[in-house]
PDB file of N, CA and C in Angstrom:
ATOM      1  N   MET A   1      -1.510 -33.393 -10.272  1.00  0.00           N
ATOM      2  CA  MET A   1      -2.237 -32.160 -10.428  1.00  0.00           C
ATOM      3  C   MET A   1      -1.829 -31.202  -9.328  1.00  0.00           C
ATOM      4  N   LYS A   2      -1.528 -29.978  -9.737  1.00  0.00           N
ATOM      5  CA  LYS A   2      -1.087 -28.980  -8.770  1.00  0.00           C
ATOM      6  C   LYS A   2      -1.572 -27.606  -9.224  1.00  0.00           C
ATOM      7  N   VAL A   3      -2.084 -26.823  -8.289  1.00  0.00           N
ATOM      8  CA  VAL A   3      -2.438 -25.432  -8.574  1.00  0.00           C
ATOM      9  C   VAL A   3      -1.183 -24.611  -8.332  1.00  0.00           C
ATOM     10  N   VAL A   4      -0.715 -23.914  -9.365  1.00  0.00           N
ATOM     11  CA  VAL A   4       0.515 -23.137  -9.263  1.00  0.00           C
ATOM     12  C   VAL A   4       0.224 -21.757  -8.681  1.00  0.00           C
ATOM     13  N   GLN A   5      -0.747 -21.046  -9.263  1.00  0.00           N
ATOM     14  CA  GLN A   5      -1.094 -19.723  -8.764  1.00  0.00           C
ATOM     15  C   GLN A   5      -2.428 -19.274  -9.350  1.00  0.00           C
ATOM     16  N   ILE A   6      -2.985 -18.231  -8.746  1.00  0.00           N
ATOM     17  CA  ILE A   6      -4.166 -17.551  -9.272  1.00  0.00           C
ATOM     18  C   ILE A   6      -3.710 -16.129  -9.544  1.00  0.00           C
ATOM     19  N   LYS A   7      -3.809 -15.700 -10.792  1.00  0.00           N
ATOM     20  CA  LYS A   7      -3.329 -14.362 -11.121  1.00  0.00           C
ATOM     21  C   LYS A   7      -4.474 -13.511 -11.664  1.00  0.00           C
ATOM     22  N   ASN A   8      -4.226 -12.215 -11.714  1.00  0.00           N
ATOM     23  CA  ASN A   8      -5.205 -11.236 -12.199  1.00  0.00           C
ATOM     24  C   ASN A   8      -6.538 -11.346 -11.463  1.00  0.00           C
ATOM     25  N   VAL A   9      -6.473 -11.482 -10.148  1.00  0.00           N
ATOM     26  CA  VAL A   9      -7.688 -11.620  -9.347  1.00  0.00           C
ATOM     27  C   VAL A   9      -8.336 -10.241  -9.186  1.00  0.00           C
ATOM     28  N   VAL A  10      -9.631 -10.184  -9.505  1.00  0.00           N
ATOM     29  CA  VAL A  10     -10.399  -8.948  -9.400  1.00  0.00           C
ATOM     30  C   VAL A  10     -11.643  -9.235  -8.578  1.00  0.00           C
ATOM     31  N   ARG A  11     -11.910  -8.362  -7.600  1.00  0.00           N
ATOM     32  CA  ARG A  11     -13.121  -8.528  -6.791  1.00  0.00           C
ATOM     33  C   ARG A  11     -14.257  -7.745  -7.429  1.00  0.00           C
ATOM     34  N   LYS A  12     -15.413  -8.375  -7.502  1.00  0.00           N
ATOM     35  CA  LYS A  12     -16.610  -7.743  -8.054  1.00  0.00           C
ATOM     36  C   LYS A  12     -17.476  -7.241  -6.905  1.00  0.00           C
ATOM     37  N   GLU A  13     -18.133  -6.121  -7.107  1.00  0.00           N
ATOM     38  CA  GLU A  13     -18.994  -5.546  -6.076  1.00  0.00           C
ATOM     39  C   GLU A  13     -20.287  -6.343  -5.927  1.00  0.00           C
ATOM     40  N   VAL A  14     -20.611  -6.679  -4.682  1.00  0.00           N
ATOM     41  CA  VAL A  14     -21.837  -7.405  -4.355  1.00  0.00           C
ATOM     42  C   VAL A  14     -22.441  -6.713  -3.131  1.00  0.00           C
ATOM     43  N   PRO A  15     -23.749  -6.437  -3.134  1.00  0.00           N
ATOM     44  CA  PRO A  15     -24.345  -5.739  -1.995  1.00  0.00           C
ATOM     45  C   PRO A  15     -24.488  -6.593  -0.727  1.00  0.00           C
ATOM     46  N   ILE A  16     -24.236  -7.870  -0.805  1.00  0.00           N
ATOM     47  CA  ILE A  16     -24.358  -8.760   0.354  1.00  0.00           C
ATOM     48  C   ILE A  16     -22.997  -8.852   1.038  1.00  0.00           C
ATOM     49  N   TYR A  17     -22.908  -8.425   2.287  1.00  0.00           N
ATOM     50  CA  TYR A  17     -21.619  -8.302   2.966  1.00  0.00           C
ATOM     51  C   TYR A  17     -20.914  -9.629   3.238  1.00  0.00           C
ATOM     52  N   TYR A  18     -21.626 -10.730   3.346  1.00  0.00           N
ATOM     53  CA  TYR A  18     -20.998 -12.014   3.665  1.00  0.00           C
ATOM     54  C   TYR A  18     -20.627 -12.823   2.421  1.00  0.00           C
ATOM     55  N   ARG A  19     -20.823 -12.243   1.243  1.00  0.00           N
ATOM     56  CA  ARG A  19     -20.494 -12.937  -0.008  1.00  0.00           C
ATOM     57  C   ARG A  19     -19.532 -12.067  -0.810  1.00  0.00           C
ATOM     58  N   ARG A  20     -18.432 -12.682  -1.243  1.00  0.00           N
ATOM     59  CA  ARG A  20     -17.437 -11.973  -2.062  1.00  0.00           C
ATOM     60  C   ARG A  20     -17.250 -12.707  -3.377  1.00  0.00           C
ATOM     61  N   LEU A  21     -17.379 -11.978  -4.488  1.00  0.00           N
ATOM     62  CA  LEU A  21     -17.227 -12.550  -5.829  1.00  0.00           C
ATOM     63  C   LEU A  21     -15.892 -12.100  -6.420  1.00  0.00           C
ATOM     64  N   TYR A  22     -15.189 -13.040  -7.042  1.00  0.00           N
ATOM     65  CA  TYR A  22     -13.903 -12.766  -7.660  1.00  0.00           C
ATOM     66  C   TYR A  22     -13.844 -13.409  -9.045  1.00  0.00           C
ATOM     67  N   SER A  23     -12.939 -12.909  -9.857  1.00  0.00           N
ATOM     68  CA  SER A  23     -12.597 -13.571 -11.114  1.00  0.00           C
ATOM     69  C   SER A  23     -11.079 -13.516 -11.244  1.00  0.00           C
ATOM     70  N   GLY A  24     -10.531 -14.444 -12.004  1.00  0.00           N
ATOM     71  CA  GLY A  24      -9.085 -14.490 -12.173  1.00  0.00           C
ATOM     72  C   GLY A  24      -8.695 -15.589 -13.148  1.00  0.00           C
ATOM     73  N   ILE A  25      -7.400 -15.823 -13.217  1.00  0.00           N
ATOM     74  CA  ILE A  25      -6.859 -16.866 -14.090  1.00  0.00           C
ATOM     75  C   ILE A  25      -6.085 -17.849 -13.222  1.00  0.00           C
ATOM     76  N   ALA A  26      -6.484 -19.111 -13.309  1.00  0.00           N
ATOM     77  CA  ALA A  26      -5.829 -20.163 -12.524  1.00  0.00           C
ATOM     78  C   ALA A  26      -4.772 -20.852 -13.383  1.00  0.00           C
ATOM     79  N   GLU A  27      -3.595 -21.018 -12.802  1.00  0.00           N
ATOM     80  CA  GLU A  27      -2.523 -21.771 -13.457  1.00  0.00           C
ATOM     81  C   GLU A  27      -2.407 -23.122 -12.771  1.00  0.00           C
ATOM     82  N   PHE A  28      -2.518 -24.169 -13.563  1.00  0.00           N
ATOM     83  CA  PHE A  28      -2.417 -25.545 -13.067  1.00  0.00           C
ATOM     84  C   PHE A  28      -1.224 -26.232 -13.713  1.00  0.00           C
ATOM     85  N   GLU A  29      -0.787 -27.290 -13.059  1.00  0.00           N
ATOM     86  CA  GLU A  29       0.158 -28.216 -13.666  1.00  0.00           C
ATOM     87  C   GLU A  29      -0.578 -29.551 -13.737  1.00  0.00           C
ATOM     88  N   LEU A  30      -1.056 -29.891 -14.918  1.00  0.00           N
ATOM     89  CA  LEU A  30      -1.821 -31.114 -15.125  1.00  0.00           C
ATOM     90  C   LEU A  30      -0.989 -32.107 -15.920  1.00  0.00           C
ATOM     91  N   LEU A  31      -0.698 -33.239 -15.302  1.00  0.00           N
ATOM     92  CA  LEU A  31       0.114 -34.280 -15.943  1.00  0.00           C
ATOM     93  C   LEU A  31       1.425 -33.710 -16.478  1.00  0.00           C
ATOM     94  N   ASN A  32       2.093 -32.922 -15.627  1.00  0.00           N
ATOM     95  CA  ASN A  32       3.386 -32.283 -15.927  1.00  0.00           C
ATOM     96  C   ASN A  32       3.328 -31.340 -17.130  1.00  0.00           C
ATOM     97  N   LYS A  33       2.170 -30.755 -17.357  1.00  0.00           N
ATOM     98  CA  LYS A  33       1.995 -29.821 -18.459  1.00  0.00           C
ATOM     99  C   LYS A  33       1.234 -28.604 -17.925  1.00  0.00           C
ATOM    100  N   PRO A  34       1.740 -27.381 -18.152  1.00  0.00           N
ATOM    101  CA  PRO A  34       1.060 -26.193 -17.622  1.00  0.00           C
ATOM    102  C   PRO A  34      -0.234 -25.881 -18.384  1.00  0.00           C
ATOM    103  N   GLU A  35      -1.246 -25.462 -17.646  1.00  0.00           N
ATOM    104  CA  GLU A  35      -2.548 -25.087 -18.210  1.00  0.00           C
ATOM    105  C   GLU A  35      -3.003 -23.805 -17.528  1.00  0.00           C
ATOM    106  N   GLU A  36      -3.732 -22.969 -18.238  1.00  0.00           N
ATOM    107  CA  GLU A  36      -4.348 -21.768 -17.674  1.00  0.00           C
ATOM    108  C   GLU A  36      -5.821 -21.757 -18.037  1.00  0.00           C
ATOM    109  N   ARG A  37      -6.657 -21.419 -17.063  1.00  0.00           N
ATOM    110  CA  ARG A  37      -8.091 -21.317 -17.296  1.00  0.00           C
ATOM    111  C   ARG A  37      -8.626 -20.123 -16.512  1.00  0.00           C
ATOM    112  N   SER A  38      -9.577 -19.417 -17.108  1.00  0.00           N
ATOM    113  CA  SER A  38     -10.231 -18.350 -16.362  1.00  0.00           C
ATOM    114  C   SER A  38     -11.224 -18.988 -15.392  1.00  0.00           C
ATOM    115  N   ILE A  39     -11.352 -18.380 -14.216  1.00  0.00           N
ATOM    116  CA  ILE A  39     -12.265 -18.889 -13.197  1.00  0.00           C
ATOM    117  C   ILE A  39     -13.044 -17.733 -12.580  1.00  0.00           C
ATOM    118  N   ASP A  40     -14.201 -18.050 -12.072  1.00  0.00           N
ATOM    119  CA  ASP A  40     -14.986 -17.157 -11.232  1.00  0.00           C
ATOM    120  C   ASP A  40     -15.216 -17.915  -9.942  1.00  0.00           C
ATOM    121  N   PHE A  41     -15.052 -17.232  -8.813  1.00  0.00           N
ATOM    122  CA  PHE A  41     -15.293 -17.921  -7.551  1.00  0.00           C
ATOM    123  C   PHE A  41     -15.936 -16.986  -6.543  1.00  0.00           C
ATOM    124  N   THR A  42     -16.691 -17.607  -5.658  1.00  0.00           N
ATOM    125  CA  THR A  42     -17.410 -16.892  -4.610  1.00  0.00           C
ATOM    126  C   THR A  42     -16.989 -17.465  -3.269  1.00  0.00           C
ATOM    127  N   ILE A  43     -16.704 -16.585  -2.324  1.00  0.00           N
ATOM    128  CA  ILE A  43     -16.428 -17.003  -0.953  1.00  0.00           C
ATOM    129  C   ILE A  43     -17.563 -16.463  -0.101  1.00  0.00           C
ATOM    130  N   GLU A  44     -18.292 -17.379   0.515  1.00  0.00           N
ATOM    131  CA  GLU A  44     -19.434 -17.007   1.346  1.00  0.00           C
ATOM    132  C   GLU A  44     -19.141 -17.418   2.781  1.00  0.00           C
ATOM    133  N   THR A  45     -19.258 -16.475   3.703  1.00  0.00           N
ATOM    134  CA  THR A  45     -18.983 -16.745   5.107  1.00  0.00           C
ATOM    135  C   THR A  45     -20.299 -16.959   5.846  1.00  0.00           C
ATOM    136  N   LYS A  46     -20.409 -18.100   6.496  1.00  0.00           N
ATOM    137  CA  LYS A  46     -21.614 -18.426   7.267  1.00  0.00           C
ATOM    138  C   LYS A  46     -21.555 -17.708   8.619  1.00  0.00           C
ATOM    139  N   PRO A  47     -22.670 -17.601   9.335  1.00  0.00           N
ATOM    140  CA  PRO A  47     -22.673 -16.968  10.654  1.00  0.00           C
ATOM    141  C   PRO A  47     -21.724 -17.649  11.647  1.00  0.00           C
ATOM    142  N   THR A  48     -21.422 -18.922  11.422  1.00  0.00           N
ATOM    143  CA  THR A  48     -20.512 -19.650  12.308  1.00  0.00           C
ATOM    144  C   THR A  48     -19.046 -19.362  12.000  1.00  0.00           C
ATOM    145  N   GLY A  49     -18.784 -18.620  10.913  1.00  0.00           N
ATOM    146  CA  GLY A  49     -17.417 -18.317  10.514  1.00  0.00           C
ATOM    147  C   GLY A  49     -16.869 -19.269   9.466  1.00  0.00           C
ATOM    148  N   GLN A  50     -17.574 -20.349   9.195  1.00  0.00           N
ATOM    149  CA  GLN A  50     -17.142 -21.303   8.173  1.00  0.00           C
ATOM    150  C   GLN A  50     -17.295 -20.668   6.794  1.00  0.00           C
ATOM    151  N   LYS A  51     -16.334 -20.948   5.916  1.00  0.00           N
ATOM    152  CA  LYS A  51     -16.348 -20.386   4.569  1.00  0.00           C
ATOM    153  C   LYS A  51     -16.709 -21.462   3.554  1.00  0.00           C
ATOM    154  N   ASN A  52     -17.626 -21.110   2.658  1.00  0.00           N
ATOM    155  CA  ASN A  52     -17.975 -21.968   1.528  1.00  0.00           C
ATOM    156  C   ASN A  52     -17.423 -21.322   0.271  1.00  0.00           C
ATOM    157  N   ILE A  53     -16.822 -22.131  -0.584  1.00  0.00           N
ATOM    158  CA  ILE A  53     -16.272 -21.621  -1.839  1.00  0.00           C
ATOM    159  C   ILE A  53     -16.975 -22.304  -2.992  1.00  0.00           C
ATOM    160  N   PHE A  54     -17.411 -21.489  -3.944  1.00  0.00           N
ATOM    161  CA  PHE A  54     -18.049 -21.979  -5.159  1.00  0.00           C
ATOM    162  C   PHE A  54     -17.196 -21.516  -6.333  1.00  0.00           C
ATOM    163  N   VAL A  55     -16.781 -22.450  -7.180  1.00  0.00           N
ATOM    164  CA  VAL A  55     -15.899 -22.136  -8.307  1.00  0.00           C
ATOM    165  C   VAL A  55     -16.579 -22.540  -9.605  1.00  0.00           C
ATOM    166  N   THR A  56     -16.493 -21.664 -10.599  1.00  0.00           N
ATOM    167  CA  THR A  56     -16.962 -22.009 -11.946  1.00  0.00           C
ATOM    168  C   THR A  56     -15.831 -21.761 -12.923  1.00  0.00           C
ATOM    169  N   MET A  57     -15.741 -22.636 -13.888  1.00  0.00           N
ATOM    170  CA  MET A  57     -14.728 -22.558 -14.929  1.00  0.00           C
ATOM    171  C   MET A  57     -15.451 -22.616 -16.276  1.00  0.00           C
ATOM    172  N   PRO A  58     -15.543 -21.481 -16.992  1.00  0.00           N
ATOM    173  CA  PRO A  58     -16.290 -21.463 -18.252  1.00  0.00           C
ATOM    174  C   PRO A  58     -15.728 -22.393 -19.331  1.00  0.00           C
ATOM    175  N   GLU A  59     -14.423 -22.578 -19.330  1.00  0.00           N
ATOM    176  CA  GLU A  59     -13.784 -23.410 -20.356  1.00  0.00           C
ATOM    177  C   GLU A  59     -13.573 -24.819 -19.810  1.00  0.00           C
ATOM    178  N   PRO A  60     -13.815 -25.842 -20.624  1.00  0.00           N
ATOM    179  CA  PRO A  60     -13.585 -27.212 -20.151  1.00  0.00           C
ATOM    180  C   PRO A  60     -12.089 -27.500 -19.977  1.00  0.00           C
ATOM    181  N   VAL A  61     -11.807 -28.441 -19.111  1.00  0.00           N
ATOM    182  CA  VAL A  61     -10.424 -28.854 -18.873  1.00  0.00           C
ATOM    183  C   VAL A  61     -10.356 -30.368 -19.040  1.00  0.00           C
ATOM    184  N   ASP A  62      -9.256 -30.838 -19.604  1.00  0.00           N
ATOM    185  CA  ASP A  62      -9.096 -32.264 -19.878  1.00  0.00           C
ATOM    186  C   ASP A  62      -8.456 -32.955 -18.667  1.00  0.00           C
ATOM    187  N   TYR A  63      -9.212 -32.989 -17.584  1.00  0.00           N
ATOM    188  CA  TYR A  63      -8.748 -33.595 -16.339  1.00  0.00           C
ATOM    189  C   TYR A  63      -9.995 -33.850 -15.494  1.00  0.00           C
ATOM    190  N   PRO A  64     -10.003 -34.865 -14.637  1.00  0.00           N
ATOM    191  CA  PRO A  64     -11.172 -35.102 -13.783  1.00  0.00           C
ATOM    192  C   PRO A  64     -11.489 -33.869 -12.927  1.00  0.00           C
ATOM    193  N   LEU A  65     -12.735 -33.456 -12.962  1.00  0.00           N
ATOM    194  CA  LEU A  65     -13.136 -32.195 -12.355  1.00  0.00           C
ATOM    195  C   LEU A  65     -13.163 -32.219 -10.827  1.00  0.00           C
ATOM    196  N   VAL A  66     -13.524 -33.331 -10.212  1.00  0.00           N
ATOM    197  CA  VAL A  66     -13.644 -33.385  -8.749  1.00  0.00           C
ATOM    198  C   VAL A  66     -12.299 -33.141  -8.056  1.00  0.00           C
ATOM    199  N   PRO A  67     -11.210 -33.844  -8.396  1.00  0.00           N
ATOM    200  CA  PRO A  67      -9.943 -33.550  -7.724  1.00  0.00           C
ATOM    201  C   PRO A  67      -9.411 -32.156  -8.061  1.00  0.00           C
ATOM    202  N   LEU A  68      -9.666 -31.691  -9.264  1.00  0.00           N
ATOM    203  CA  LEU A  68      -9.224 -30.353  -9.665  1.00  0.00           C
ATOM    204  C   LEU A  68      -9.902 -29.293  -8.812  1.00  0.00           C
ATOM    205  N   MET A  69     -11.216 -29.388  -8.644  1.00  0.00           N
ATOM    206  CA  MET A  69     -11.961 -28.416  -7.835  1.00  0.00           C
ATOM    207  C   MET A  69     -11.568 -28.490  -6.362  1.00  0.00           C
ATOM    208  N   ARG A  70     -11.325 -29.700  -5.857  1.00  0.00           N
ATOM    209  CA  ARG A  70     -10.924 -29.852  -4.461  1.00  0.00           C
ATOM    210  C   ARG A  70      -9.608 -29.124  -4.199  1.00  0.00           C
ATOM    211  N   GLU A  71      -8.615 -29.307  -5.076  1.00  0.00           N
ATOM    212  CA  GLU A  71      -7.328 -28.640  -4.907  1.00  0.00           C
ATOM    213  C   GLU A  71      -7.450 -27.127  -5.096  1.00  0.00           C
ATOM    214  N   LEU A  72      -8.272 -26.721  -6.038  1.00  0.00           N
ATOM    215  CA  LEU A  72      -8.469 -25.297  -6.288  1.00  0.00           C
ATOM    216  C   LEU A  72      -9.123 -24.617  -5.084  1.00  0.00           C
ATOM    217  N   LYS A  73     -10.108 -25.263  -4.484  1.00  0.00           N
ATOM    218  CA  LYS A  73     -10.774 -24.691  -3.312  1.00  0.00           C
ATOM    219  C   LYS A  73      -9.821 -24.598  -2.123  1.00  0.00           C
ATOM    220  N   LYS A  74      -8.988 -25.620  -1.927  1.00  0.00           N
ATOM    221  CA  LYS A  74      -7.986 -25.564  -0.858  1.00  0.00           C
ATOM    222  C   LYS A  74      -7.032 -24.399  -1.068  1.00  0.00           C
ATOM    223  N   PHE A  75      -6.586 -24.227  -2.312  1.00  0.00           N
ATOM    224  CA  PHE A  75      -5.666 -23.148  -2.647  1.00  0.00           C
ATOM    225  C   PHE A  75      -6.316 -21.793  -2.380  1.00  0.00           C
ATOM    226  N   LEU A  76      -7.581 -21.636  -2.764  1.00  0.00           N
ATOM    227  CA  LEU A  76      -8.284 -20.367  -2.568  1.00  0.00           C
ATOM    228  C   LEU A  76      -8.513 -20.068  -1.090  1.00  0.00           C
ATOM    229  N   ILE A  77      -8.838 -21.082  -0.297  1.00  0.00           N
ATOM    230  CA  ILE A  77      -9.009 -20.879   1.154  1.00  0.00           C
ATOM    231  C   ILE A  77      -7.693 -20.419   1.774  1.00  0.00           C
ATOM    232  N   ASN A  78      -6.580 -21.026   1.360  1.00  0.00           N
ATOM    233  CA  ASN A  78      -5.278 -20.617   1.886  1.00  0.00           C
ATOM    234  C   ASN A  78      -4.953 -19.174   1.499  1.00  0.00           C
ATOM    235  N   LEU A  79      -5.270 -18.782   0.259  1.00  0.00           N
ATOM    236  CA  LEU A  79      -5.056 -17.391  -0.164  1.00  0.00           C
ATOM    237  C   LEU A  79      -5.888 -16.435   0.680  1.00  0.00           C
ATOM    238  N   ASP A  80      -7.144 -16.789   0.917  1.00  0.00           N
ATOM    239  CA  ASP A  80      -8.022 -15.928   1.700  1.00  0.00           C
ATOM    240  C   ASP A  80      -7.554 -15.836   3.145  1.00  0.00           C
ATOM    241  N   ASP A  81      -7.171 -16.955   3.740  1.00  0.00           N
ATOM    242  CA  ASP A  81      -6.693 -16.960   5.128  1.00  0.00           C
ATOM    243  C   ASP A  81      -5.414 -16.148   5.288  1.00  0.00           C
ATOM    244  N   ALA A  82      -4.579 -16.126   4.237  1.00  0.00           N
ATOM    245  CA  ALA A  82      -3.328 -15.363   4.280  1.00  0.00           C
ATOM    246  C   ALA A  82      -3.544 -13.885   3.926  1.00  0.00           C
ATOM    247  N   GLY A  83      -4.777 -13.526   3.547  1.00  0.00           N
ATOM    248  CA  GLY A  83      -5.080 -12.131   3.215  1.00  0.00           C
ATOM    249  C   GLY A  83      -4.546 -11.690   1.859  1.00  0.00           C
ATOM    250  N   LYS A  84      -4.381 -12.628   0.935  1.00  0.00           N
ATOM    251  CA  LYS A  84      -3.793 -12.308  -0.357  1.00  0.00           C
ATOM    252  C   LYS A  84      -4.826 -12.074  -1.462  1.00  0.00           C
ATOM    253  N   LEU A  85      -6.105 -12.040  -1.107  1.00  0.00           N
ATOM    254  CA  LEU A  85      -7.147 -11.718  -2.089  1.00  0.00           C
ATOM    255  C   LEU A  85      -7.509 -10.247  -1.946  1.00  0.00           C
ATOM    256  N   PRO A  86      -7.865  -9.597  -3.045  1.00  0.00           N
ATOM    257  CA  PRO A  86      -8.226  -8.158  -2.978  1.00  0.00           C
ATOM    258  C   PRO A  86      -9.417  -7.938  -2.034  1.00  0.00           C
ATOM    259  N   GLN A  87      -9.337  -6.894  -1.244  1.00  0.00           N
ATOM    260  CA  GLN A  87     -10.410  -6.575  -0.301  1.00  0.00           C
ATOM    261  C   GLN A  87     -11.427  -5.606  -0.889  1.00  0.00           C
ATOM    262  N   THR A  88     -11.014  -4.843  -1.891  1.00  0.00           N
ATOM    263  CA  THR A  88     -11.958  -3.900  -2.521  1.00  0.00           C
ATOM    264  C   THR A  88     -11.874  -3.977  -4.006  1.00  0.00           C
TER     265      THR A  88
END
């Protein structure tokens, strides 16, 4: 299982400054077969600077959800740390 990319990422307006909502399309490689699923995710920054990521996937995927979400969250944290997510 591998997350290839997140494309068409759009930031949604939220009045809470420490919470950022996004939507996009995640491209995975599951069992050597490409898959695309729409996702919604939230990045919430705690006062300590630690980031929590919450991901929802409206469409089911034929793969164990726990390892998929773990890899997706790692990928999203790396995108955010690199500044590759929309700021506005």
